[in-house]
C-alpha cells in the first residue's frame, strides 16, 4: 500500500468547511493538543511522527525559503 501526503500552508482568509462538513465547528490545534484530546482522529492523521514531521518541514521551508530541503535520504537497494 502506498500513501501520499501533502503539506499545505494556511495563509489567511475565512475558513469555510466543504459541503460534506457544512455547519461543522473547527479550531486550530497544536500537534500535542491533538494527541492529548479524547476526541478520535481519522486513522490517516493518527500518526504522531507524521504530524510532527509536517510541522518540522513547514518550519524548514518557512525559515529557509531559498534553500533546497532534503525530504528523505536516498534509499539504497544494496
C-alpha atoms as a PDB file:
ATOM      1  CA  UNK A   1       0.000   0.000   0.000  1.00  0.00           C
ATOM      2  CA  UNK A   2       1.211   3.471  -0.825  1.00  0.00           C
ATOM      3  CA  UNK A   3       0.164   6.632   0.961  1.00  0.00           C
ATOM      4  CA  UNK A   4       0.794  10.126  -0.344  1.00  0.00           C
ATOM      5  CA  UNK A   5       0.637  13.131   1.947  1.00  0.00           C
ATOM      6  CA  UNK A   6       0.723  16.827   1.066  1.00  0.00           C
ATOM      7  CA  UNK A   7       1.984  19.626   3.267  1.00  0.00           C
ATOM      8  CA  UNK A   8      -0.098  22.763   2.771  1.00  0.00           C
ATOM      9  CA  UNK A   9       0.038  26.147   4.439  1.00  0.00           C
ATOM     10  CA  UNK A  10      -2.925  28.235   5.557  1.00  0.00           C
ATOM     11  CA  UNK A  11      -2.181  31.815   4.536  1.00  0.00           C
ATOM     12  CA  UNK A  12      -5.305  33.560   5.772  1.00  0.00           C
ATOM     13  CA  UNK A  13      -8.889  34.193   4.853  1.00  0.00           C
ATOM     14  CA  UNK A  14     -12.173  32.808   6.030  1.00  0.00           C
ATOM     15  CA  UNK A  15     -12.335  29.067   6.697  1.00  0.00           C
ATOM     16  CA  UNK A  16     -15.380  27.531   5.047  1.00  0.00           C
ATOM     17  CA  UNK A  17     -15.973  23.802   5.597  1.00  0.00           C
ATOM     18  CA  UNK A  18     -16.805  21.866   2.430  1.00  0.00           C
ATOM     19  CA  UNK A  19     -20.372  20.735   1.770  1.00  0.00           C
ATOM     20  CA  UNK A  20     -19.679  17.361   3.425  1.00  0.00           C
ATOM     21  CA  UNK A  21     -18.821  19.235   6.656  1.00  0.00           C
ATOM     22  CA  UNK A  22     -21.289  22.142   6.360  1.00  0.00           C
ATOM     23  CA  UNK A  23     -22.177  23.560   9.758  1.00  0.00           C
ATOM     24  CA  UNK A  24     -19.214  21.876  11.457  1.00  0.00           C
ATOM     25  CA  UNK A  25     -17.177  23.651  14.091  1.00  0.00           C
ATOM     26  CA  UNK A  26     -13.416  23.894  13.679  1.00  0.00           C
ATOM     27  CA  UNK A  27     -10.416  25.172  15.608  1.00  0.00           C
ATOM     28  CA  UNK A  28      -6.646  25.226  15.277  1.00  0.00           C
ATOM     29  CA  UNK A  29      -4.702  22.767  17.437  1.00  0.00           C
ATOM     30  CA  UNK A  30      -1.067  22.061  18.098  1.00  0.00           C
ATOM     31  CA  UNK A  31       0.148  18.503  17.438  1.00  0.00           C
ATOM     32  CA  UNK A  32       0.462  17.766  21.166  1.00  0.00           C
ATOM     33  CA  UNK A  33      -3.097  19.017  21.741  1.00  0.00           C
ATOM     34  CA  UNK A  34      -4.387  16.594  19.117  1.00  0.00           C
ATOM     35  CA  UNK A  35      -2.958  13.584  20.916  1.00  0.00           C
ATOM     36  CA  UNK A  36      -3.867  14.841  24.402  1.00  0.00           C
ATOM     37  CA  UNK A  37      -7.510  15.187  23.364  1.00  0.00           C
ATOM     38  CA  UNK A  38     -10.024  12.399  23.910  1.00  0.00           C
ATOM     39  CA  UNK A  39     -11.582  13.168  20.532  1.00  0.00           C
ATOM     40  CA  UNK A  40     -10.876  10.458  17.950  1.00  0.00           C
ATOM     41  CA  UNK A  41      -8.662  11.295  14.980  1.00  0.00           C
ATOM     42  CA  UNK A  42      -9.097   9.971  11.469  1.00  0.00           C
ATOM     43  CA  UNK A  43      -6.812   6.898  11.136  1.00  0.00           C
ATOM     44  CA  UNK A  44      -4.684   8.648   8.496  1.00  0.00           C
ATOM     45  CA  UNK A  45      -3.948  11.503  10.935  1.00  0.00           C
ATOM     46  CA  UNK A  46      -3.296   9.296  13.957  1.00  0.00           C
ATOM     47  CA  UNK A  47       0.475   9.162  13.458  1.00  0.00           C
ATOM     48  CA  UNK A  48       2.377  11.425  15.843  1.00  0.00           C
ATOM     49  CA  UNK A  49       5.636  11.139  13.871  1.00  0.00           C
ATOM     50  CA  UNK A  50       3.948  12.169  10.625  1.00  0.00           C
ATOM     51  CA  UNK A  51       2.277  15.227  12.152  1.00  0.00           C
ATOM     52  CA  UNK A  52       5.458  16.324  13.928  1.00  0.00           C
ATOM     53  CA  UNK A  53       7.414  15.847  10.681  1.00  0.00           C
ATOM     54  CA  UNK A  54       4.899  18.059   8.857  1.00  0.00           C
ATOM     55  CA  UNK A  55       5.467  20.827  11.417  1.00  0.00           C
ATOM     56  CA  UNK A  56       9.243  20.380  11.103  1.00  0.00           C
ATOM     57  CA  UNK A  57       9.110  20.597   7.283  1.00  0.00           C
ATOM     58  CA  UNK A  58       6.901  23.677   7.396  1.00  0.00           C
ATOM     59  CA  UNK A  59       9.373  25.411   9.694  1.00  0.00           C
ATOM     60  CA  UNK A  60      12.295  24.462   7.436  1.00  0.00           C
ATOM     61  CA  UNK A  61      10.539  25.823   4.338  1.00  0.00           C
ATOM     62  CA  UNK A  62       9.246  28.909   6.111  1.00  0.00           C
ATOM     63  CA  UNK A  63      12.600  29.844   7.669  1.00  0.00           C
ATOM     64  CA  UNK A  64      14.756  28.957   4.621  1.00  0.00           C
ATOM     65  CA  UNK A  65      12.628  29.612   1.509  1.00  0.00           C
ATOM     66  CA  UNK A  66      15.605  29.741  -0.881  1.00  0.00           C
ATOM     67  CA  UNK A  67      17.320  26.604   0.428  1.00  0.00           C
ATOM     68  CA  UNK A  68      16.747  23.147  -1.053  1.00  0.00           C
ATOM     69  CA  UNK A  69      15.500  20.832   1.680  1.00  0.00           C
ATOM     70  CA  UNK A  70      16.177  17.101   1.765  1.00  0.00           C
ATOM     71  CA  UNK A  71      12.797  15.488   2.362  1.00  0.00           C
ATOM     72  CA  UNK A  72      14.130  11.949   2.526  1.00  0.00           C
ATOM     73  CA  UNK A  73      17.559  10.384   2.415  1.00  0.00           C
ATOM     74  CA  UNK A  74      18.430   8.395  -0.694  1.00  0.00           C
ATOM     75  CA  UNK A  75      17.340   4.785  -0.222  1.00  0.00           C
ATOM     76  CA  UNK A  76      19.853   2.259  -1.488  1.00  0.00           C
ATOM     77  CA  UNK A  77      18.777  -1.147  -2.760  1.00  0.00           C
ATOM     78  CA  UNK A  78      22.013  -2.747  -1.579  1.00  0.00           C
END
